[in-house]
């Protein structure tokens, strides 16, 4: 006799009531995020899902890459579509919202915590103001450790988190980067 319920055993046929209940119960991935975070992910998913069918497929990926000025190769599309969680049924390729949320949770939990990121930037913040000089950051990012090229530094340091005086607001950047604040 198994210590697991019979519904977890392989090759078990479920009753109609059990199937219905399984469809109504939320996926465990939804418990990892706050409702506001799930809403942000939902909005991102809907932006990618151009044909609004609830699945991100090859045509959706081509459309989103095209809007970014990127022409994806067939291999790149196949790799993205085959890296999804769950079983592939009948050779279908695509990602629904639950799969998308699972993929995002896997990636987010690989990042450093907010505290660690702020602490790393604070080494360059002599006044504890939450700002670091862009010129100083560029020097360190190009000369030490995993060196970044100009394009990578521009993507990081140009934009809404850099003011006109050449200061990078790392605390605000980290807040936006870290969607999940579990600490």
N, C-alpha and C. Protein backbone atom coordinates (compact mmCIF):
# COMPACT_ATOMS: atom_id res chain seq x y z
N UNK A 1 0.83 -1.17 0.00
CA UNK A 1 0.00 0.00 0.00
C UNK A 1 0.88 1.24 0.00
N UNK A 2 0.58 2.18 -0.88
CA UNK A 2 1.36 3.39 -1.02
C UNK A 2 1.00 4.39 0.07
N UNK A 3 1.97 5.18 0.49
CA UNK A 3 1.69 6.22 1.49
C UNK A 3 1.15 7.49 0.83
N UNK A 4 1.13 7.53 -0.49
CA UNK A 4 0.61 8.67 -1.22
C UNK A 4 -0.82 8.40 -1.66
N UNK A 5 -1.62 9.45 -1.80
CA UNK A 5 -2.99 9.25 -2.26
C UNK A 5 -2.99 8.60 -3.64
N UNK A 6 -4.03 7.85 -3.90
CA UNK A 6 -4.09 7.13 -5.17
C UNK A 6 -4.10 8.07 -6.37
N UNK A 7 -4.50 9.33 -6.17
CA UNK A 7 -4.52 10.26 -7.30
C UNK A 7 -3.12 10.66 -7.73
N UNK A 8 -2.11 10.41 -6.89
CA UNK A 8 -0.74 10.73 -7.26
C UNK A 8 -0.03 9.55 -7.91
N UNK A 9 -0.64 8.40 -7.87
CA UNK A 9 -0.03 7.23 -8.47
C UNK A 9 -0.10 7.33 -9.99
N UNK A 10 0.90 6.80 -10.69
CA UNK A 10 0.87 6.86 -12.15
C UNK A 10 -0.27 6.02 -12.73
N UNK A 11 -0.71 6.40 -13.92
CA UNK A 11 -1.74 5.68 -14.67
C UNK A 11 -3.06 5.57 -13.91
N UNK A 12 -3.38 6.56 -13.11
CA UNK A 12 -4.63 6.57 -12.37
C UNK A 12 -5.65 7.36 -13.17
N UNK A 13 -6.83 6.83 -13.34
CA UNK A 13 -7.87 7.59 -14.00
C UNK A 13 -8.65 8.35 -12.95
N UNK A 14 -8.79 9.65 -13.18
CA UNK A 14 -9.47 10.51 -12.23
C UNK A 14 -10.96 10.57 -12.56
N UNK A 15 -11.74 10.74 -11.52
CA UNK A 15 -13.18 10.91 -11.74
C UNK A 15 -13.42 12.32 -12.26
N UNK A 16 -14.63 12.55 -12.74
CA UNK A 16 -14.99 13.86 -13.27
C UNK A 16 -14.86 14.93 -12.19
N UNK A 17 -15.28 14.63 -10.97
CA UNK A 17 -15.19 15.59 -9.86
C UNK A 17 -13.73 15.91 -9.52
N UNK A 18 -12.85 14.90 -9.55
CA UNK A 18 -11.44 15.13 -9.25
C UNK A 18 -10.79 16.00 -10.33
N UNK A 19 -11.12 15.76 -11.58
CA UNK A 19 -10.58 16.58 -12.66
C UNK A 19 -11.04 18.03 -12.53
N UNK A 20 -12.31 18.21 -12.20
CA UNK A 20 -12.86 19.55 -12.06
C UNK A 20 -12.17 20.29 -10.92
N UNK A 21 -11.96 19.60 -9.81
CA UNK A 21 -11.30 20.21 -8.66
C UNK A 21 -9.85 20.58 -9.00
N UNK A 22 -9.18 19.71 -9.73
CA UNK A 22 -7.79 19.98 -10.11
C UNK A 22 -7.70 21.22 -11.00
N UNK A 23 -8.70 21.43 -11.87
CA UNK A 23 -8.69 22.62 -12.72
C UNK A 23 -8.93 23.88 -11.91
N UNK A 24 -9.71 23.80 -10.84
CA UNK A 24 -10.04 24.98 -10.05
C UNK A 24 -8.94 25.35 -9.07
N UNK A 25 -8.14 24.40 -8.63
CA UNK A 25 -7.11 24.68 -7.64
C UNK A 25 -5.95 25.43 -8.28
N UNK A 26 -5.45 26.46 -7.62
CA UNK A 26 -4.38 27.26 -8.21
C UNK A 26 -3.05 26.50 -8.21
N UNK A 27 -2.23 26.88 -9.15
CA UNK A 27 -0.89 26.32 -9.22
C UNK A 27 -0.08 26.84 -8.04
N UNK A 28 0.87 26.06 -7.56
CA UNK A 28 1.71 26.46 -6.44
C UNK A 28 2.54 27.70 -6.73
N UNK A 29 2.79 27.97 -8.00
CA UNK A 29 3.61 29.13 -8.34
C UNK A 29 2.92 30.44 -7.95
N UNK A 30 1.60 30.45 -7.91
CA UNK A 30 0.88 31.67 -7.56
C UNK A 30 1.07 32.05 -6.09
N UNK A 31 1.45 31.10 -5.25
CA UNK A 31 1.66 31.38 -3.84
C UNK A 31 3.01 32.01 -3.56
N UNK A 32 3.90 32.02 -4.56
CA UNK A 32 5.24 32.58 -4.38
C UNK A 32 5.29 34.09 -4.53
N UNK A 33 4.20 34.69 -5.04
CA UNK A 33 4.21 36.12 -5.33
C UNK A 33 3.03 36.82 -4.67
N UNK A 34 3.19 38.10 -4.46
CA UNK A 34 2.11 38.96 -3.98
C UNK A 34 1.15 39.21 -5.15
N UNK A 35 -0.12 39.52 -4.86
CA UNK A 35 -1.07 39.80 -5.96
C UNK A 35 -0.60 40.91 -6.90
N UNK A 36 0.02 41.94 -6.36
CA UNK A 36 0.50 43.04 -7.22
C UNK A 36 1.60 42.55 -8.16
N UNK A 37 2.45 41.66 -7.67
CA UNK A 37 3.51 41.11 -8.51
C UNK A 37 2.93 40.24 -9.62
N UNK A 38 1.94 39.45 -9.27
CA UNK A 38 1.29 38.59 -10.28
C UNK A 38 0.65 39.47 -11.35
N UNK A 39 0.06 40.58 -10.93
CA UNK A 39 -0.56 41.49 -11.89
C UNK A 39 0.49 42.08 -12.83
N UNK A 40 1.67 42.42 -12.31
CA UNK A 40 2.75 42.93 -13.16
C UNK A 40 3.18 41.89 -14.18
N UNK A 41 3.31 40.65 -13.73
CA UNK A 41 3.68 39.58 -14.65
C UNK A 41 2.58 39.36 -15.68
N UNK A 42 1.33 39.47 -15.27
CA UNK A 42 0.20 39.29 -16.19
C UNK A 42 0.25 40.36 -17.28
N UNK A 43 0.53 41.59 -16.89
CA UNK A 43 0.63 42.67 -17.86
C UNK A 43 1.78 42.43 -18.83
N UNK A 44 2.91 41.96 -18.32
CA UNK A 44 4.05 41.66 -19.19
C UNK A 44 3.69 40.53 -20.15
N UNK A 45 3.03 39.50 -19.65
CA UNK A 45 2.62 38.37 -20.49
C UNK A 45 1.69 38.86 -21.59
N UNK A 46 0.74 39.71 -21.24
CA UNK A 46 -0.21 40.21 -22.23
C UNK A 46 0.46 41.07 -23.29
N UNK A 47 1.53 41.77 -22.91
CA UNK A 47 2.27 42.56 -23.90
C UNK A 47 2.97 41.65 -24.91
N UNK A 48 3.43 40.50 -24.45
CA UNK A 48 4.12 39.56 -25.33
C UNK A 48 3.13 38.78 -26.18
N UNK A 49 1.96 38.48 -25.63
CA UNK A 49 0.92 37.70 -26.32
C UNK A 49 0.16 38.60 -27.29
N UNK A 50 0.75 38.83 -28.47
CA UNK A 50 0.18 39.77 -29.44
C UNK A 50 -1.17 39.34 -29.99
N UNK A 51 -1.38 38.06 -30.22
CA UNK A 51 -2.66 37.64 -30.79
C UNK A 51 -3.72 37.38 -29.72
N UNK A 52 -3.38 37.61 -28.45
CA UNK A 52 -4.31 37.56 -27.32
C UNK A 52 -5.07 36.24 -27.20
N UNK A 53 -4.38 35.12 -27.50
CA UNK A 53 -5.03 33.81 -27.39
C UNK A 53 -4.69 33.10 -26.08
N UNK A 54 -3.91 33.76 -25.20
CA UNK A 54 -3.54 33.15 -23.92
C UNK A 54 -2.30 32.28 -24.00
N UNK A 55 -1.69 32.21 -25.17
CA UNK A 55 -0.47 31.43 -25.38
C UNK A 55 0.56 32.30 -26.07
N UNK A 56 1.79 32.27 -25.59
CA UNK A 56 2.89 32.92 -26.30
C UNK A 56 3.52 31.85 -27.17
N UNK A 57 3.37 32.03 -28.47
CA UNK A 57 3.90 31.08 -29.43
C UNK A 57 4.95 31.73 -30.32
N UNK A 58 5.30 31.04 -31.38
CA UNK A 58 6.35 31.51 -32.28
C UNK A 58 6.01 32.86 -32.89
N UNK A 59 4.77 33.04 -33.33
CA UNK A 59 4.41 34.32 -33.96
C UNK A 59 4.49 35.47 -32.96
N UNK A 60 4.11 35.21 -31.72
CA UNK A 60 4.20 36.25 -30.68
C UNK A 60 5.66 36.62 -30.42
N UNK A 61 6.52 35.62 -30.35
CA UNK A 61 7.94 35.89 -30.11
C UNK A 61 8.56 36.67 -31.27
N UNK A 62 8.20 36.29 -32.50
CA UNK A 62 8.72 37.03 -33.66
C UNK A 62 8.28 38.49 -33.60
N UNK A 63 7.04 38.71 -33.23
CA UNK A 63 6.49 40.07 -33.14
C UNK A 63 7.21 40.89 -32.08
N UNK A 64 7.40 40.33 -30.89
CA UNK A 64 8.04 41.09 -29.81
C UNK A 64 9.52 41.34 -30.12
N UNK A 65 10.20 40.35 -30.68
CA UNK A 65 11.61 40.55 -31.06
C UNK A 65 11.71 41.60 -32.16
N UNK A 66 10.80 41.54 -33.12
CA UNK A 66 10.79 42.53 -34.21
C UNK A 66 10.61 43.94 -33.68
N UNK A 67 9.76 44.12 -32.67
CA UNK A 67 9.55 45.45 -32.10
C UNK A 67 10.80 45.95 -31.37
N UNK A 68 11.68 45.02 -30.99
CA UNK A 68 12.93 45.39 -30.33
C UNK A 68 14.10 45.51 -31.33
N UNK A 69 13.79 45.29 -32.62
CA UNK A 69 14.82 45.38 -33.64
C UNK A 69 15.69 44.14 -33.74
N UNK A 70 15.19 43.01 -33.27
CA UNK A 70 15.94 41.76 -33.29
C UNK A 70 15.24 40.78 -34.22
N UNK A 71 16.03 40.16 -35.09
CA UNK A 71 15.48 39.12 -35.96
C UNK A 71 15.91 37.77 -35.38
N UNK A 72 14.99 37.06 -34.71
CA UNK A 72 15.38 35.80 -34.07
C UNK A 72 15.57 34.69 -35.10
N UNK A 73 16.54 33.85 -34.84
CA UNK A 73 16.78 32.70 -35.72
C UNK A 73 15.78 31.60 -35.36
N UNK A 74 15.63 30.65 -36.24
CA UNK A 74 14.74 29.50 -36.00
C UNK A 74 15.21 28.74 -34.75
N UNK A 75 16.53 28.59 -34.60
CA UNK A 75 17.08 27.88 -33.44
C UNK A 75 16.75 28.61 -32.14
N UNK A 76 16.86 29.93 -32.19
CA UNK A 76 16.57 30.73 -30.99
C UNK A 76 15.10 30.56 -30.58
N UNK A 77 14.20 30.63 -31.54
CA UNK A 77 12.77 30.46 -31.25
C UNK A 77 12.49 29.06 -30.69
N UNK A 78 13.09 28.04 -31.32
CA UNK A 78 12.87 26.67 -30.84
C UNK A 78 13.41 26.49 -29.43
N UNK A 79 14.56 27.08 -29.15
CA UNK A 79 15.15 26.97 -27.82
C UNK A 79 14.26 27.65 -26.77
N UNK A 80 13.77 28.83 -27.09
CA UNK A 80 12.89 29.54 -26.15
C UNK A 80 11.60 28.79 -25.91
N UNK A 81 11.02 28.25 -26.97
CA UNK A 81 9.74 27.56 -26.83
C UNK A 81 9.87 26.18 -26.20
N UNK A 82 11.02 25.57 -26.33
CA UNK A 82 11.18 24.23 -25.76
C UNK A 82 11.71 24.27 -24.32
N UNK A 83 12.12 25.45 -23.84
CA UNK A 83 12.64 25.55 -22.47
C UNK A 83 11.54 25.79 -21.46
N UNK A 84 10.31 25.67 -21.87
CA UNK A 84 9.19 25.91 -20.97
C UNK A 84 9.02 24.76 -19.99
N UNK A 85 8.43 25.05 -18.83
CA UNK A 85 8.15 23.97 -17.87
C UNK A 85 6.94 23.16 -18.30
N UNK A 86 6.81 21.98 -17.77
CA UNK A 86 5.63 21.15 -18.05
C UNK A 86 5.83 20.24 -19.24
N UNK A 87 4.85 19.43 -19.47
CA UNK A 87 4.88 18.46 -20.55
C UNK A 87 4.42 19.10 -21.86
N UNK A 88 4.99 18.66 -22.96
CA UNK A 88 4.54 19.08 -24.27
C UNK A 88 3.49 18.09 -24.74
N UNK A 89 2.28 18.57 -24.96
CA UNK A 89 1.18 17.70 -25.34
C UNK A 89 0.97 17.79 -26.84
N UNK A 90 1.08 16.67 -27.52
CA UNK A 90 0.82 16.64 -28.94
C UNK A 90 1.73 17.53 -29.77
N UNK A 91 2.94 17.78 -29.30
CA UNK A 91 3.90 18.57 -30.04
C UNK A 91 3.62 20.07 -30.03
N UNK A 92 2.67 20.52 -29.21
CA UNK A 92 2.36 21.95 -29.18
C UNK A 92 3.53 22.71 -28.57
N UNK A 93 3.76 23.90 -29.11
CA UNK A 93 4.81 24.75 -28.59
C UNK A 93 4.17 26.06 -28.17
N UNK A 94 4.56 26.53 -27.02
CA UNK A 94 4.02 27.77 -26.52
C UNK A 94 4.05 27.79 -25.02
N UNK A 95 3.73 28.95 -24.47
CA UNK A 95 3.77 29.15 -23.03
C UNK A 95 2.48 29.84 -22.62
N UNK A 96 1.76 29.26 -21.66
CA UNK A 96 0.60 29.96 -21.11
C UNK A 96 1.06 30.76 -19.89
N UNK A 97 0.13 31.48 -19.25
CA UNK A 97 0.53 32.37 -18.17
C UNK A 97 1.13 31.61 -16.98
N UNK A 98 0.58 30.47 -16.63
CA UNK A 98 1.12 29.70 -15.50
C UNK A 98 2.55 29.26 -15.78
N UNK A 99 2.81 28.81 -17.00
CA UNK A 99 4.17 28.42 -17.37
C UNK A 99 5.10 29.64 -17.33
N UNK A 100 4.61 30.77 -17.84
CA UNK A 100 5.38 32.01 -17.84
C UNK A 100 5.74 32.41 -16.41
N UNK A 101 4.77 32.34 -15.51
CA UNK A 101 5.00 32.69 -14.11
C UNK A 101 6.01 31.74 -13.47
N UNK A 102 5.93 30.46 -13.80
CA UNK A 102 6.89 29.48 -13.29
C UNK A 102 8.30 29.81 -13.79
N UNK A 103 8.42 30.15 -15.07
CA UNK A 103 9.72 30.50 -15.63
C UNK A 103 10.30 31.74 -14.96
N UNK A 104 9.44 32.73 -14.71
CA UNK A 104 9.89 33.96 -14.05
C UNK A 104 10.33 33.68 -12.62
N UNK A 105 9.60 32.83 -11.92
CA UNK A 105 9.98 32.53 -10.53
C UNK A 105 11.31 31.81 -10.48
N UNK A 106 11.55 30.92 -11.43
CA UNK A 106 12.84 30.21 -11.48
C UNK A 106 13.98 31.18 -11.69
N UNK A 107 13.77 32.17 -12.56
CA UNK A 107 14.83 33.14 -12.85
C UNK A 107 15.02 34.13 -11.72
N UNK A 108 13.94 34.59 -11.11
CA UNK A 108 14.05 35.60 -10.06
C UNK A 108 14.76 35.08 -8.83
N UNK A 109 14.54 33.84 -8.49
CA UNK A 109 15.16 33.31 -7.28
C UNK A 109 16.63 32.99 -7.48
N UNK A 110 17.14 33.15 -8.71
CA UNK A 110 18.56 32.98 -8.96
C UNK A 110 19.33 34.26 -8.66
N UNK A 111 18.65 35.41 -8.61
CA UNK A 111 19.30 36.69 -8.39
C UNK A 111 19.69 36.88 -6.94
N UNK A 112 20.61 37.80 -6.73
CA UNK A 112 20.98 38.19 -5.37
C UNK A 112 19.79 38.88 -4.71
N UNK A 113 19.81 38.90 -3.39
CA UNK A 113 18.74 39.58 -2.67
C UNK A 113 18.91 41.09 -2.80
N UNK A 114 17.85 41.81 -2.50
CA UNK A 114 17.89 43.27 -2.57
C UNK A 114 18.99 43.82 -1.65
N UNK A 115 19.08 43.27 -0.45
CA UNK A 115 20.08 43.73 0.51
C UNK A 115 21.50 43.57 -0.06
N UNK A 116 21.78 42.43 -0.67
CA UNK A 116 23.11 42.19 -1.24
C UNK A 116 23.43 43.15 -2.37
N UNK A 117 22.44 43.43 -3.22
CA UNK A 117 22.66 44.36 -4.32
C UNK A 117 22.91 45.78 -3.82
N UNK A 118 22.11 46.22 -2.87
CA UNK A 118 22.30 47.57 -2.31
C UNK A 118 23.66 47.66 -1.63
N UNK A 119 24.04 46.63 -0.91
CA UNK A 119 25.34 46.61 -0.23
C UNK A 119 26.49 46.71 -1.22
N UNK A 120 26.36 46.03 -2.36
CA UNK A 120 27.41 46.07 -3.38
C UNK A 120 27.57 47.49 -3.94
N UNK A 121 26.46 48.15 -4.24
CA UNK A 121 26.54 49.52 -4.75
C UNK A 121 26.98 50.50 -3.67
N UNK A 122 26.62 50.24 -2.42
CA UNK A 122 26.95 51.16 -1.33
C UNK A 122 28.45 51.34 -1.16
N UNK A 123 29.23 50.40 -1.62
CA UNK A 123 30.70 50.52 -1.56
C UNK A 123 31.18 51.76 -2.31
N UNK A 124 30.40 52.18 -3.32
CA UNK A 124 30.79 53.33 -4.15
C UNK A 124 30.06 54.61 -3.74
N UNK A 125 29.20 54.51 -2.74
CA UNK A 125 28.37 55.63 -2.30
C UNK A 125 28.95 56.20 -1.01
N UNK A 126 29.86 57.16 -1.14
CA UNK A 126 30.56 57.71 0.02
C UNK A 126 29.64 58.48 0.95
N UNK A 127 28.58 59.11 0.43
CA UNK A 127 27.68 59.94 1.24
C UNK A 127 26.45 59.19 1.71
N UNK A 128 26.33 57.93 1.39
CA UNK A 128 25.16 57.12 1.73
C UNK A 128 23.87 57.82 1.26
N UNK A 129 23.92 58.31 0.01
CA UNK A 129 22.79 59.06 -0.55
C UNK A 129 21.93 58.20 -1.47
N UNK A 130 22.40 57.02 -1.79
CA UNK A 130 21.67 56.18 -2.75
C UNK A 130 22.08 56.46 -4.18
N UNK A 131 23.09 57.31 -4.34
CA UNK A 131 23.57 57.70 -5.67
C UNK A 131 25.05 57.39 -5.80
N UNK A 132 25.44 56.97 -7.00
CA UNK A 132 26.86 56.80 -7.30
C UNK A 132 27.15 57.51 -8.62
N UNK A 133 28.35 58.01 -8.75
CA UNK A 133 28.75 58.72 -9.97
C UNK A 133 28.87 57.72 -11.13
N UNK A 134 28.24 58.05 -12.24
CA UNK A 134 28.25 57.18 -13.41
C UNK A 134 29.68 57.00 -13.92
N UNK A 135 30.47 58.06 -13.93
CA UNK A 135 31.85 57.96 -14.42
C UNK A 135 32.66 56.96 -13.60
N UNK A 136 32.48 57.01 -12.28
CA UNK A 136 33.20 56.08 -11.40
C UNK A 136 32.73 54.64 -11.64
N UNK A 137 31.42 54.47 -11.79
CA UNK A 137 30.88 53.13 -12.05
C UNK A 137 31.42 52.58 -13.37
N UNK A 138 31.47 53.44 -14.40
CA UNK A 138 32.00 52.99 -15.69
C UNK A 138 33.44 52.53 -15.57
N UNK A 139 34.22 53.26 -14.80
CA UNK A 139 35.63 52.89 -14.63
C UNK A 139 35.74 51.51 -13.96
N UNK A 140 34.98 51.30 -12.89
CA UNK A 140 35.04 50.03 -12.18
C UNK A 140 34.48 48.88 -13.03
N UNK A 141 33.37 49.12 -13.72
CA UNK A 141 32.74 48.07 -14.52
C UNK A 141 33.57 47.66 -15.73
N UNK A 142 34.42 48.57 -16.21
CA UNK A 142 35.23 48.23 -17.37
C UNK A 142 36.62 47.69 -16.99
N UNK A 143 37.06 47.91 -15.75
CA UNK A 143 38.42 47.53 -15.37
C UNK A 143 38.52 46.37 -14.39
N UNK A 144 37.47 46.06 -13.64
CA UNK A 144 37.58 45.10 -12.55
C UNK A 144 36.56 43.97 -12.72
N UNK A 145 36.96 42.77 -12.32
CA UNK A 145 36.04 41.63 -12.30
C UNK A 145 35.54 41.23 -13.68
N UNK A 146 34.25 40.89 -13.77
CA UNK A 146 33.63 40.57 -15.05
C UNK A 146 33.40 41.87 -15.80
N UNK A 147 34.37 42.22 -16.64
CA UNK A 147 34.34 43.51 -17.32
C UNK A 147 33.15 43.62 -18.27
N UNK A 148 32.56 44.81 -18.30
CA UNK A 148 31.44 45.09 -19.18
C UNK A 148 31.92 45.95 -20.35
N UNK A 149 31.33 45.73 -21.52
CA UNK A 149 31.67 46.60 -22.65
C UNK A 149 30.79 47.85 -22.61
N UNK A 150 31.05 48.80 -23.52
CA UNK A 150 30.33 50.07 -23.53
C UNK A 150 28.82 49.88 -23.67
N UNK A 151 28.41 48.97 -24.53
CA UNK A 151 26.98 48.74 -24.76
C UNK A 151 26.29 48.25 -23.49
N UNK A 152 26.93 47.32 -22.78
CA UNK A 152 26.36 46.80 -21.54
C UNK A 152 26.28 47.89 -20.48
N UNK A 153 27.32 48.72 -20.39
CA UNK A 153 27.30 49.80 -19.40
C UNK A 153 26.23 50.83 -19.74
N UNK A 154 26.06 51.12 -21.03
CA UNK A 154 25.01 52.06 -21.43
C UNK A 154 23.63 51.55 -21.06
N UNK A 155 23.39 50.25 -21.27
CA UNK A 155 22.09 49.67 -20.91
C UNK A 155 21.82 49.79 -19.42
N UNK A 156 22.85 49.66 -18.61
CA UNK A 156 22.70 49.75 -17.16
C UNK A 156 22.59 51.20 -16.69
N UNK A 157 23.47 52.06 -17.18
CA UNK A 157 23.64 53.38 -16.59
C UNK A 157 22.91 54.52 -17.30
N UNK A 158 22.39 54.29 -18.49
CA UNK A 158 21.61 55.33 -19.16
C UNK A 158 20.15 55.00 -18.98
N UNK A 159 19.36 56.00 -18.74
CA UNK A 159 17.94 55.75 -18.58
C UNK A 159 17.37 56.46 -17.37
N UNK A 160 16.24 55.98 -16.89
CA UNK A 160 15.51 56.70 -15.85
C UNK A 160 16.20 56.74 -14.49
N UNK A 161 17.24 55.97 -14.28
CA UNK A 161 17.88 55.93 -12.97
C UNK A 161 19.14 56.78 -12.91
N UNK A 162 19.44 57.47 -13.99
CA UNK A 162 20.59 58.37 -14.02
C UNK A 162 20.09 59.79 -14.19
N UNK A 163 20.51 60.67 -13.28
CA UNK A 163 20.04 62.06 -13.36
C UNK A 163 20.97 62.89 -14.26
N UNK A 164 20.63 64.16 -14.43
CA UNK A 164 21.39 65.04 -15.34
C UNK A 164 22.77 65.39 -14.80
N UNK A 165 22.97 65.19 -13.52
CA UNK A 165 24.28 65.48 -12.93
C UNK A 165 25.23 64.28 -13.03
N UNK A 166 24.77 63.19 -13.64
CA UNK A 166 25.61 62.01 -13.82
C UNK A 166 25.63 61.09 -12.62
N UNK A 167 24.53 61.06 -11.85
CA UNK A 167 24.42 60.18 -10.69
C UNK A 167 23.46 59.04 -11.01
N UNK A 168 23.84 57.85 -10.64
CA UNK A 168 23.00 56.66 -10.83
C UNK A 168 22.32 56.34 -9.51
N UNK A 169 20.97 56.30 -9.51
CA UNK A 169 20.19 56.02 -8.30
C UNK A 169 20.05 54.51 -8.17
N UNK A 170 21.01 53.90 -7.49
CA UNK A 170 21.04 52.43 -7.41
C UNK A 170 19.94 51.88 -6.51
N UNK A 171 19.52 52.61 -5.50
CA UNK A 171 18.46 52.09 -4.62
C UNK A 171 17.14 51.94 -5.38
N UNK A 172 16.79 52.92 -6.19
CA UNK A 172 15.56 52.81 -6.99
C UNK A 172 15.69 51.72 -8.05
N UNK A 173 16.87 51.62 -8.65
CA UNK A 173 17.11 50.59 -9.67
C UNK A 173 16.96 49.20 -9.06
N UNK A 174 17.50 49.00 -7.88
CA UNK A 174 17.40 47.69 -7.22
C UNK A 174 15.95 47.38 -6.87
N UNK A 175 15.18 48.37 -6.43
CA UNK A 175 13.77 48.15 -6.11
C UNK A 175 13.00 47.65 -7.33
N UNK A 176 13.27 48.23 -8.47
CA UNK A 176 12.58 47.81 -9.70
C UNK A 176 13.10 46.45 -10.16
N UNK A 177 14.39 46.24 -10.04
CA UNK A 177 14.98 44.97 -10.46
C UNK A 177 14.45 43.81 -9.64
N UNK A 178 14.34 44.01 -8.35
CA UNK A 178 13.90 42.94 -7.45
C UNK A 178 12.38 42.97 -7.30
N UNK A 179 11.70 42.21 -8.10
CA UNK A 179 10.25 42.12 -8.01
C UNK A 179 9.84 41.37 -6.76
N UNK A 180 10.66 40.43 -6.35
CA UNK A 180 10.31 39.58 -5.21
C UNK A 180 11.12 40.01 -3.99
N UNK A 181 10.43 40.47 -2.95
CA UNK A 181 11.11 40.91 -1.73
C UNK A 181 10.76 39.96 -0.60
N UNK A 182 11.36 38.79 -0.59
CA UNK A 182 11.02 37.75 0.38
C UNK A 182 11.76 37.91 1.71
N UNK A 183 12.79 38.76 1.78
CA UNK A 183 13.56 38.85 3.02
C UNK A 183 12.85 39.60 4.09
